[in-house]
């Protein structure tokens, strides 16, 4: 089963990590991710895929950047079991009720 996830990436960070959730001015939700890699030759995109795959317990090949390859906001496609939907929703939970 394929799942979609929007992320906002900060390249050049001190560590690779999922940092929480956020939303843009239009109210679209995303997961904030920091990666050490610089945005050169796809290195930051590969790092994002690896961070998300590791967090979900999946092989790196199960996560792909499918939109926003050259922007900070990216769309990921994640190949995995139907149960992953609950995990992904949990990452974004409660942001709609912030403030």
PDB file of N, CA and C in Angstrom:
ATOM      1  N   UNK A   1       0.844  -1.175   0.000  1.00  0.00           N
ATOM      2  CA  UNK A   1       0.000   0.000   0.000  1.00  0.00           C
ATOM      3  C   UNK A   1       0.892   1.241   0.000  1.00  0.00           C
ATOM      4  N   UNK A   2       0.472   2.259  -0.748  1.00  0.00           N
ATOM      5  CA  UNK A   2       1.233   3.505  -0.814  1.00  0.00           C
ATOM      6  C   UNK A   2       0.601   4.562   0.069  1.00  0.00           C
ATOM      7  N   UNK A   3       1.450   5.267   0.785  1.00  0.00           N
ATOM      8  CA  UNK A   3       1.030   6.352   1.663  1.00  0.00           C
ATOM      9  C   UNK A   3       1.727   7.621   1.202  1.00  0.00           C
ATOM     10  N   UNK A   4       1.112   8.764   1.462  1.00  0.00           N
ATOM     11  CA  UNK A   4       1.711  10.059   1.120  1.00  0.00           C
ATOM     12  C   UNK A   4       1.980  10.835   2.398  1.00  0.00           C
ATOM     13  N   UNK A   5       3.068  11.596   2.386  1.00  0.00           N
ATOM     14  CA  UNK A   5       3.432  12.422   3.528  1.00  0.00           C
ATOM     15  C   UNK A   5       4.110  13.675   3.023  1.00  0.00           C
ATOM     16  N   UNK A   6       3.667  14.835   3.510  1.00  0.00           N
ATOM     17  CA  UNK A   6       4.335  16.098   3.198  1.00  0.00           C
ATOM     18  C   UNK A   6       5.350  16.385   4.297  1.00  0.00           C
ATOM     19  N   UNK A   7       6.526  16.837   3.896  1.00  0.00           N
ATOM     20  CA  UNK A   7       7.578  17.167   4.854  1.00  0.00           C
ATOM     21  C   UNK A   7       8.171  18.524   4.508  1.00  0.00           C
ATOM     22  N   UNK A   8       8.699  19.201   5.515  1.00  0.00           N
ATOM     23  CA  UNK A   8       9.477  20.430   5.318  1.00  0.00           C
ATOM     24  C   UNK A   8      10.875  20.117   5.793  1.00  0.00           C
ATOM     25  N   UNK A   9      11.859  20.346   4.926  1.00  0.00           N
ATOM     26  CA  UNK A   9      13.223  19.915   5.181  1.00  0.00           C
ATOM     27  C   UNK A   9      14.137  21.094   5.475  1.00  0.00           C
ATOM     28  N   UNK A  10      14.968  20.923   6.500  1.00  0.00           N
ATOM     29  CA  UNK A  10      16.038  21.876   6.751  1.00  0.00           C
ATOM     30  C   UNK A  10      17.360  21.151   6.514  1.00  0.00           C
ATOM     31  N   UNK A  11      18.001  21.400   5.376  1.00  0.00           N
ATOM     32  CA  UNK A  11      19.294  20.765   5.106  1.00  0.00           C
ATOM     33  C   UNK A  11      20.407  21.473   5.872  1.00  0.00           C
ATOM     34  N   UNK A  12      21.546  20.820   5.999  1.00  0.00           N
ATOM     35  CA  UNK A  12      22.699  21.416   6.664  1.00  0.00           C
ATOM     36  C   UNK A  12      22.554  21.515   8.168  1.00  0.00           C
ATOM     37  N   UNK A  13      21.707  20.698   8.758  1.00  0.00           N
ATOM     38  CA  UNK A  13      21.490  20.710  10.209  1.00  0.00           C
ATOM     39  C   UNK A  13      22.617  19.968  10.918  1.00  0.00           C
ATOM     40  N   UNK A  14      22.637  20.038  12.234  1.00  0.00           N
ATOM     41  CA  UNK A  14      23.685  19.368  13.005  1.00  0.00           C
ATOM     42  C   UNK A  14      23.440  17.872  13.169  1.00  0.00           C
ATOM     43  N   UNK A  15      22.219  17.426  12.914  1.00  0.00           N
ATOM     44  CA  UNK A  15      21.883  16.003  13.048  1.00  0.00           C
ATOM     45  C   UNK A  15      20.695  15.677  12.151  1.00  0.00           C
ATOM     46  N   UNK A  16      20.570  14.397  11.811  1.00  0.00           N
ATOM     47  CA  UNK A  16      19.413  13.917  11.054  1.00  0.00           C
ATOM     48  C   UNK A  16      18.324  13.559  12.059  1.00  0.00           C
ATOM     49  N   UNK A  17      17.149  14.193  11.936  1.00  0.00           N
ATOM     50  CA  UNK A  17      16.065  13.868  12.868  1.00  0.00           C
ATOM     51  C   UNK A  17      14.728  14.415  12.386  1.00  0.00           C
ATOM     52  N   UNK A  18      13.683  13.751  12.858  1.00  0.00           N
ATOM     53  CA  UNK A  18      12.321  14.249  12.666  1.00  0.00           C
ATOM     54  C   UNK A  18      12.065  15.165  13.842  1.00  0.00           C
ATOM     55  N   UNK A  19      11.648  16.378  13.551  1.00  0.00           N
ATOM     56  CA  UNK A  19      11.581  17.393  14.580  1.00  0.00           C
ATOM     57  C   UNK A  19      10.178  17.728  15.058  1.00  0.00           C
ATOM     58  N   UNK A  20       9.171  17.247  14.420  1.00  0.00           N
ATOM     59  CA  UNK A  20       7.816  17.572  14.853  1.00  0.00           C
ATOM     60  C   UNK A  20       6.928  17.823  13.665  1.00  0.00           C
ATOM     61  N   UNK A  21       5.918  18.634  13.902  1.00  0.00           N
ATOM     62  CA  UNK A  21       4.947  18.895  12.846  1.00  0.00           C
ATOM     63  C   UNK A  21       4.771  20.393  12.682  1.00  0.00           C
ATOM     64  N   UNK A  22       4.185  20.760  11.578  1.00  0.00           N
ATOM     65  CA  UNK A  22       3.921  22.161  11.313  1.00  0.00           C
ATOM     66  C   UNK A  22       2.852  22.290  10.263  1.00  0.00           C
ATOM     67  N   UNK A  23       2.536  23.538   9.928  1.00  0.00           N
ATOM     68  CA  UNK A  23       1.568  23.789   8.865  1.00  0.00           C
ATOM     69  C   UNK A  23       1.967  25.065   8.142  1.00  0.00           C
ATOM     70  N   UNK A  24       1.586  25.141   6.878  1.00  0.00           N
ATOM     71  CA  UNK A  24       1.889  26.333   6.108  1.00  0.00           C
ATOM     72  C   UNK A  24       0.750  27.339   6.255  1.00  0.00           C
ATOM     73  N   UNK A  25       0.871  28.475   5.563  1.00  0.00           N
ATOM     74  CA  UNK A  25      -0.141  29.529   5.667  1.00  0.00           C
ATOM     75  C   UNK A  25      -1.525  29.085   5.206  1.00  0.00           C
ATOM     76  N   UNK A  26      -1.576  28.073   4.337  1.00  0.00           N
ATOM     77  CA  UNK A  26      -2.861  27.567   3.843  1.00  0.00           C
ATOM     78  C   UNK A  26      -3.447  26.483   4.748  1.00  0.00           C
ATOM     79  N   UNK A  27      -2.735  26.149   5.838  1.00  0.00           N
ATOM     80  CA  UNK A  27      -3.226  25.149   6.769  1.00  0.00           C
ATOM     81  C   UNK A  27      -2.851  23.715   6.428  1.00  0.00           C
ATOM     82  N   UNK A  28      -2.018  23.525   5.403  1.00  0.00           N
ATOM     83  CA  UNK A  28      -1.581  22.168   5.038  1.00  0.00           C
ATOM     84  C   UNK A  28      -0.542  21.684   6.046  1.00  0.00           C
ATOM     85  N   UNK A  29      -0.732  20.471   6.513  1.00  0.00           N
ATOM     86  CA  UNK A  29       0.149  19.898   7.526  1.00  0.00           C
ATOM     87  C   UNK A  29       1.371  19.243   6.907  1.00  0.00           C
ATOM     88  N   UNK A  30       2.490  19.292   7.639  1.00  0.00           N
ATOM     89  CA  UNK A  30       3.710  18.618   7.214  1.00  0.00           C
ATOM     90  C   UNK A  30       4.510  18.206   8.441  1.00  0.00           C
ATOM     91  N   UNK A  31       5.452  17.302   8.231  1.00  0.00           N
ATOM     92  CA  UNK A  31       6.385  16.876   9.267  1.00  0.00           C
ATOM     93  C   UNK A  31       7.694  17.611   9.024  1.00  0.00           C
ATOM     94  N   UNK A  32       8.279  18.191  10.085  1.00  0.00           N
ATOM     95  CA  UNK A  32       9.555  18.898   9.964  1.00  0.00           C
ATOM     96  C   UNK A  32      10.695  17.896  10.114  1.00  0.00           C
ATOM     97  N   UNK A  33      11.639  17.964   9.190  1.00  0.00           N
ATOM     98  CA  UNK A  33      12.782  17.053   9.204  1.00  0.00           C
ATOM     99  C   UNK A  33      14.054  17.859   9.017  1.00  0.00           C
ATOM    100  N   UNK A  34      15.062  17.560   9.831  1.00  0.00           N
ATOM    101  CA  UNK A  34      16.389  18.161   9.683  1.00  0.00           C
ATOM    102  C   UNK A  34      17.341  17.076   9.201  1.00  0.00           C
ATOM    103  N   UNK A  35      18.182  17.441   8.237  1.00  0.00           N
ATOM    104  CA  UNK A  35      19.191  16.507   7.744  1.00  0.00           C
ATOM    105  C   UNK A  35      20.541  17.219   7.658  1.00  0.00           C
ATOM    106  N   UNK A  36      21.614  16.466   7.888  1.00  0.00           N
ATOM    107  CA  UNK A  36      22.965  17.026   7.802  1.00  0.00           C
ATOM    108  C   UNK A  36      23.364  17.316   6.361  1.00  0.00           C
ATOM    109  N   UNK A  37      22.862  16.535   5.440  1.00  0.00           N
ATOM    110  CA  UNK A  37      23.250  16.664   4.035  1.00  0.00           C
ATOM    111  C   UNK A  37      22.878  18.040   3.492  1.00  0.00           C
ATOM    112  N   UNK A  38      23.689  18.513   2.552  1.00  0.00           N
ATOM    113  CA  UNK A  38      23.416  19.761   1.853  1.00  0.00           C
ATOM    114  C   UNK A  38      22.537  19.462   0.640  1.00  0.00           C
ATOM    115  N   UNK A  39      21.816  20.452   0.159  1.00  0.00           N
ATOM    116  CA  UNK A  39      20.941  20.227  -0.993  1.00  0.00           C
ATOM    117  C   UNK A  39      21.713  20.237  -2.316  1.00  0.00           C
ATOM    118  N   UNK A  40      22.659  19.345  -2.441  1.00  0.00           N
ATOM    119  CA  UNK A  40      23.479  19.251  -3.643  1.00  0.00           C
ATOM    120  C   UNK A  40      23.415  17.838  -4.193  1.00  0.00           C
ATOM    121  N   UNK A  41      23.170  17.713  -5.471  1.00  0.00           N
ATOM    122  CA  UNK A  41      23.147  16.414  -6.153  1.00  0.00           C
ATOM    123  C   UNK A  41      22.193  15.413  -5.516  1.00  0.00           C
ATOM    124  N   UNK A  42      21.094  15.902  -4.951  1.00  0.00           N
ATOM    125  CA  UNK A  42      20.099  15.009  -4.370  1.00  0.00           C
ATOM    126  C   UNK A  42      20.451  14.438  -3.008  1.00  0.00           C
ATOM    127  N   UNK A  43      21.542  14.905  -2.402  1.00  0.00           N
ATOM    128  CA  UNK A  43      21.978  14.348  -1.120  1.00  0.00           C
ATOM    129  C   UNK A  43      20.960  14.585  -0.003  1.00  0.00           C
ATOM    130  N   UNK A  44      20.374  15.773   0.046  1.00  0.00           N
ATOM    131  CA  UNK A  44      19.389  16.056   1.093  1.00  0.00           C
ATOM    132  C   UNK A  44      18.135  15.204   0.901  1.00  0.00           C
ATOM    133  N   UNK A  45      17.710  15.019  -0.345  1.00  0.00           N
ATOM    134  CA  UNK A  45      16.533  14.177  -0.605  1.00  0.00           C
ATOM    135  C   UNK A  45      16.794  12.740  -0.161  1.00  0.00           C
ATOM    136  N   UNK A  46      17.970  12.221  -0.467  1.00  0.00           N
ATOM    137  CA  UNK A  46      18.314  10.855  -0.051  1.00  0.00           C
ATOM    138  C   UNK A  46      18.339  10.753   1.465  1.00  0.00           C
ATOM    139  N   UNK A  47      18.833  11.789   2.132  1.00  0.00           N
ATOM    140  CA  UNK A  47      18.868  11.783   3.595  1.00  0.00           C
ATOM    141  C   UNK A  47      17.460  11.798   4.181  1.00  0.00           C
ATOM    142  N   UNK A  48      16.565  12.566   3.582  1.00  0.00           N
ATOM    143  CA  UNK A  48      15.167  12.609   4.038  1.00  0.00           C
ATOM    144  C   UNK A  48      14.549  11.219   3.914  1.00  0.00           C
ATOM    145  N   UNK A  49      14.744  10.588   2.773  1.00  0.00           N
ATOM    146  CA  UNK A  49      14.206   9.245   2.565  1.00  0.00           C
ATOM    147  C   UNK A  49      14.739   8.286   3.622  1.00  0.00           C
ATOM    148  N   UNK A  50      16.033   8.369   3.934  1.00  0.00           N
ATOM    149  CA  UNK A  50      16.642   7.475   4.927  1.00  0.00           C
ATOM    150  C   UNK A  50      16.106   7.731   6.326  1.00  0.00           C
ATOM    151  N   UNK A  51      15.942   9.002   6.704  1.00  0.00           N
ATOM    152  CA  UNK A  51      15.442   9.344   8.043  1.00  0.00           C
ATOM    153  C   UNK A  51      14.018   8.825   8.232  1.00  0.00           C
ATOM    154  N   UNK A  52      13.167   9.050   7.250  1.00  0.00           N
ATOM    155  CA  UNK A  52      11.773   8.605   7.353  1.00  0.00           C
ATOM    156  C   UNK A  52      11.700   7.077   7.355  1.00  0.00           C
ATOM    157  N   UNK A  53      12.463   6.439   6.483  1.00  0.00           N
ATOM    158  CA  UNK A  53      12.461   4.975   6.430  1.00  0.00           C
ATOM    159  C   UNK A  53      12.894   4.385   7.772  1.00  0.00           C
ATOM    160  N   UNK A  54      13.942   4.931   8.350  1.00  0.00           N
ATOM    161  CA  UNK A  54      14.435   4.425   9.639  1.00  0.00           C
ATOM    162  C   UNK A  54      13.376   4.615  10.728  1.00  0.00           C
ATOM    163  N   UNK A  55      12.744   5.786  10.754  1.00  0.00           N
ATOM    164  CA  UNK A  55      11.716   6.062  11.766  1.00  0.00           C
ATOM    165  C   UNK A  55      10.534   5.111  11.656  1.00  0.00           C
ATOM    166  N   UNK A  56      10.239   4.675  10.441  1.00  0.00           N
ATOM    167  CA  UNK A  56       9.108   3.770  10.217  1.00  0.00           C
ATOM    168  C   UNK A  56       9.510   2.297  10.218  1.00  0.00           C
ATOM    169  N   UNK A  57      10.816   2.023  10.357  1.00  0.00           N
ATOM    170  CA  UNK A  57      11.280   0.636  10.345  1.00  0.00           C
ATOM    171  C   UNK A  57      11.186  -0.012   8.976  1.00  0.00           C
ATOM    172  N   UNK A  58      11.393   0.781   7.940  1.00  0.00           N
ATOM    173  CA  UNK A  58      11.282   0.302   6.563  1.00  0.00           C
ATOM    174  C   UNK A  58      12.643   0.370   5.869  1.00  0.00           C
ATOM    175  N   UNK A  59      12.816  -0.377   4.789  1.00  0.00           N
ATOM    176  CA  UNK A  59      14.041  -0.212   4.005  1.00  0.00           C
ATOM    177  C   UNK A  59      14.020   1.158   3.310  1.00  0.00           C
ATOM    178  N   UNK A  60      15.196   1.714   3.047  1.00  0.00           N
ATOM    179  CA  UNK A  60      15.290   3.023   2.391  1.00  0.00           C
ATOM    180  C   UNK A  60      14.538   3.055   1.069  1.00  0.00           C
ATOM    181  N   UNK A  61      14.507   1.930   0.382  1.00  0.00           N
ATOM    182  CA  UNK A  61      13.844   1.873  -0.927  1.00  0.00           C
ATOM    183  C   UNK A  61      12.329   2.032  -0.837  1.00  0.00           C
ATOM    184  N   UNK A  62      11.759   1.959   0.367  1.00  0.00           N
ATOM    185  CA  UNK A  62      10.303   2.078   0.540  1.00  0.00           C
ATOM    186  C   UNK A  62       9.838   3.532   0.599  1.00  0.00           C
ATOM    187  N   UNK A  63      10.777   4.486   0.657  1.00  0.00           N
ATOM    188  CA  UNK A  63      10.424   5.902   0.775  1.00  0.00           C
ATOM    189  C   UNK A  63      11.052   6.656  -0.401  1.00  0.00           C
ATOM    190  N   UNK A  64      10.218   7.437  -1.094  1.00  0.00           N
ATOM    191  CA  UNK A  64      10.711   8.208  -2.241  1.00  0.00           C
ATOM    192  C   UNK A  64      10.181   9.633  -2.195  1.00  0.00           C
ATOM    193  N   UNK A  65      11.051  10.589  -2.523  1.00  0.00           N
ATOM    194  CA  UNK A  65      10.608  11.964  -2.739  1.00  0.00           C
ATOM    195  C   UNK A  65       9.964  11.993  -4.116  1.00  0.00           C
ATOM    196  N   UNK A  66       8.676  12.354  -4.180  1.00  0.00           N
ATOM    197  CA  UNK A  66       7.967  12.361  -5.463  1.00  0.00           C
ATOM    198  C   UNK A  66       7.573  13.766  -5.923  1.00  0.00           C
ATOM    199  N   UNK A  67       7.582  14.730  -5.018  1.00  0.00           N
ATOM    200  CA  UNK A  67       7.334  16.128  -5.401  1.00  0.00           C
ATOM    201  C   UNK A  67       8.257  17.024  -4.593  1.00  0.00           C
ATOM    202  N   UNK A  68       8.589  18.173  -5.154  1.00  0.00           N
ATOM    203  CA  UNK A  68       9.400  19.150  -4.439  1.00  0.00           C
ATOM    204  C   UNK A  68      10.863  18.795  -4.316  1.00  0.00           C
ATOM    205  N   UNK A  69      11.420  18.102  -5.289  1.00  0.00           N
ATOM    206  CA  UNK A  69      12.813  17.666  -5.206  1.00  0.00           C
ATOM    207  C   UNK A  69      13.783  18.817  -4.983  1.00  0.00           C
ATOM    208  N   UNK A  70      13.429  20.018  -5.424  1.00  0.00           N
ATOM    209  CA  UNK A  70      14.337  21.154  -5.277  1.00  0.00           C
ATOM    210  C   UNK A  70      13.788  22.237  -4.355  1.00  0.00           C
ATOM    211  N   UNK A  71      12.799  21.894  -3.544  1.00  0.00           N
ATOM    212  CA  UNK A  71      12.231  22.849  -2.598  1.00  0.00           C
ATOM    213  C   UNK A  71      12.274  22.254  -1.193  1.00  0.00           C
ATOM    214  N   UNK A  72      12.025  23.082  -0.197  1.00  0.00           N
ATOM    215  CA  UNK A  72      12.029  22.593   1.184  1.00  0.00           C
ATOM    216  C   UNK A  72      10.796  21.755   1.515  1.00  0.00           C
ATOM    217  N   UNK A  73       9.658  22.094   0.897  1.00  0.00           N
ATOM    218  CA  UNK A  73       8.448  21.298   1.108  1.00  0.00           C
ATOM    219  C   UNK A  73       8.445  20.186   0.059  1.00  0.00           C
ATOM    220  N   UNK A  74       8.379  18.957   0.522  1.00  0.00           N
ATOM    221  CA  UNK A  74       8.462  17.797  -0.365  1.00  0.00           C
ATOM    222  C   UNK A  74       7.290  16.860  -0.106  1.00  0.00           C
ATOM    223  N   UNK A  75       6.914  16.128  -1.116  1.00  0.00           N
ATOM    224  CA  UNK A  75       5.921  15.073  -0.984  1.00  0.00           C
ATOM    225  C   UNK A  75       6.629  13.739  -1.041  1.00  0.00           C
ATOM    226  N   UNK A  76       6.378  12.888  -0.070  1.00  0.00           N
ATOM    227  CA  UNK A  76       6.974  11.560  -0.037  1.00  0.00           C
ATOM    228  C   UNK A  76       5.916  10.513  -0.341  1.00  0.00           C
ATOM    229  N   UNK A  77       6.345   9.462  -1.002  1.00  0.00           N
ATOM    230  CA  UNK A  77       5.513   8.289  -1.199  1.00  0.00           C
ATOM    231  C   UNK A  77       6.174   7.165  -0.412  1.00  0.00           C
ATOM    232  N   UNK A  78       5.389   6.527   0.446  1.00  0.00           N
ATOM    233  CA  UNK A  78       5.906   5.494   1.332  1.00  0.00           C
ATOM    234  C   UNK A  78       5.178   4.193   1.042  1.00  0.00           C
ATOM    235  N   UNK A  79       5.949   3.175   0.746  1.00  0.00           N
ATOM    236  CA  UNK A  79       5.395   1.847   0.447  1.00  0.00           C
ATOM    237  C   UNK A  79       5.430   1.025   1.729  1.00  0.00           C
ATOM    238  N   UNK A  80       4.259   0.577   2.185  1.00  0.00           N
ATOM    239  CA  UNK A  80       4.227  -0.214   3.413  1.00  0.00           C
ATOM    240  C   UNK A  80       2.841  -0.729   3.721  1.00  0.00           C
ATOM    241  N   UNK A  81       2.723  -1.310   4.872  1.00  0.00           N
ATOM    242  CA  UNK A  81       1.466  -1.924   5.290  1.00  0.00           C
ATOM    243  C   UNK A  81       0.395  -0.869   5.563  1.00  0.00           C
ATOM    244  N   UNK A  82      -0.868  -1.276   5.560  1.00  0.00           N
ATOM    245  CA  UNK A  82      -1.953  -0.337   5.870  1.00  0.00           C
ATOM    246  C   UNK A  82      -1.813   0.296   7.259  1.00  0.00           C
ATOM    247  N   UNK A  83      -1.148  -0.385   8.176  1.00  0.00           N
ATOM    248  CA  UNK A  83      -0.985   0.135   9.537  1.00  0.00           C
ATOM    249  C   UNK A  83      -0.140   1.408   9.575  1.00  0.00           C
ATOM    250  N   UNK A  84       0.677   1.629   8.551  1.00  0.00           N
ATOM    251  CA  UNK A  84       1.499   2.840   8.515  1.00  0.00           C
ATOM    252  C   UNK A  84       0.655   4.106   8.491  1.00  0.00           C
ATOM    253  N   UNK A  85      -0.542   4.027   7.959  1.00  0.00           N
ATOM    254  CA  UNK A  85      -1.419   5.197   7.915  1.00  0.00           C
ATOM    255  C   UNK A  85      -1.632   5.761   9.311  1.00  0.00           C
ATOM    256  N   UNK A  86      -1.803   4.897  10.285  1.00  0.00           N
ATOM    257  CA  UNK A  86      -1.993   5.344  11.663  1.00  0.00           C
ATOM    258  C   UNK A  86      -0.756   6.019  12.232  1.00  0.00           C
ATOM    259  N   UNK A  87       0.409   5.497  11.903  1.00  0.00           N
ATOM    260  CA  UNK A  87       1.664   6.093  12.371  1.00  0.00           C
ATOM    261  C   UNK A  87       1.835   7.479  11.761  1.00  0.00           C
ATOM    262  N   UNK A  88       1.613   7.579  10.468  1.00  0.00           N
ATOM    263  CA  UNK A  88       1.751   8.864   9.778  1.00  0.00           C
ATOM    264  C   UNK A  88       0.750   9.877  10.323  1.00  0.00           C
ATOM    265  N   UNK A  89      -0.474   9.459  10.530  1.00  0.00           N
ATOM    266  CA  UNK A  89      -1.489  10.352  11.106  1.00  0.00           C
ATOM    267  C   UNK A  89      -1.080  10.791  12.507  1.00  0.00           C
ATOM    268  N   UNK A  90      -0.457   9.889  13.261  1.00  0.00           N
ATOM    269  CA  UNK A  90       0.028  10.234  14.596  1.00  0.00           C
ATOM    270  C   UNK A  90       1.097  11.307  14.562  1.00  0.00           C
ATOM    271  N   UNK A  91       1.960  11.276  13.562  1.00  0.00           N
ATOM    272  CA  UNK A  91       2.991  12.310  13.430  1.00  0.00           C
ATOM    273  C   UNK A  91       2.365  13.683  13.221  1.00  0.00           C
ATOM    274  N   UNK A  92       1.197  13.719  12.598  1.00  0.00           N
ATOM    275  CA  UNK A  92       0.538  14.988  12.289  1.00  0.00           C
ATOM    276  C   UNK A  92      -0.574  15.346  13.270  1.00  0.00           C
ATOM    277  N   UNK A  93      -0.879  14.475  14.197  1.00  0.00           N
ATOM    278  CA  UNK A  93      -2.009  14.662  15.125  1.00  0.00           C
ATOM    279  C   UNK A  93      -1.856  15.923  15.950  1.00  0.00           C
ATOM    280  N   UNK A  94      -2.981  16.494  16.274  1.00  0.00           N
ATOM    281  CA  UNK A  94      -3.113  17.636  17.165  1.00  0.00           C
ATOM    282  C   UNK A  94      -2.637  18.946  16.560  1.00  0.00           C
ATOM    283  N   UNK A  95      -1.942  18.949  15.431  1.00  0.00           N
ATOM    284  CA  UNK A  95      -1.508  20.203  14.827  1.00  0.00           C
ATOM    285  C   UNK A  95      -2.706  21.036  14.400  1.00  0.00           C
ATOM    286  N   UNK A  96      -3.781  20.375  14.000  1.00  0.00           N
ATOM    287  CA  UNK A  96      -4.973  21.106  13.566  1.00  0.00           C
ATOM    288  C   UNK A  96      -5.577  21.904  14.717  1.00  0.00           C
ATOM    289  N   UNK A  97      -5.312  21.464  15.947  1.00  0.00           N
ATOM    290  CA  UNK A  97      -5.890  22.126  17.114  1.00  0.00           C
ATOM    291  C   UNK A  97      -4.941  23.097  17.797  1.00  0.00           C
ATOM    292  N   UNK A  98      -3.763  23.336  17.193  1.00  0.00           N
ATOM    293  CA  UNK A  98      -2.779  24.227  17.813  1.00  0.00           C
ATOM    294  C   UNK A  98      -3.294  25.662  17.792  1.00  0.00           C
ATOM    295  N   UNK A  99      -2.889  26.425  18.819  1.00  0.00           N
ATOM    296  CA  UNK A  99      -3.269  27.839  18.987  1.00  0.00           C
ATOM    297  C   UNK A  99      -4.719  27.915  19.199  1.00  0.00           C
TER     298      UNK A  99
END
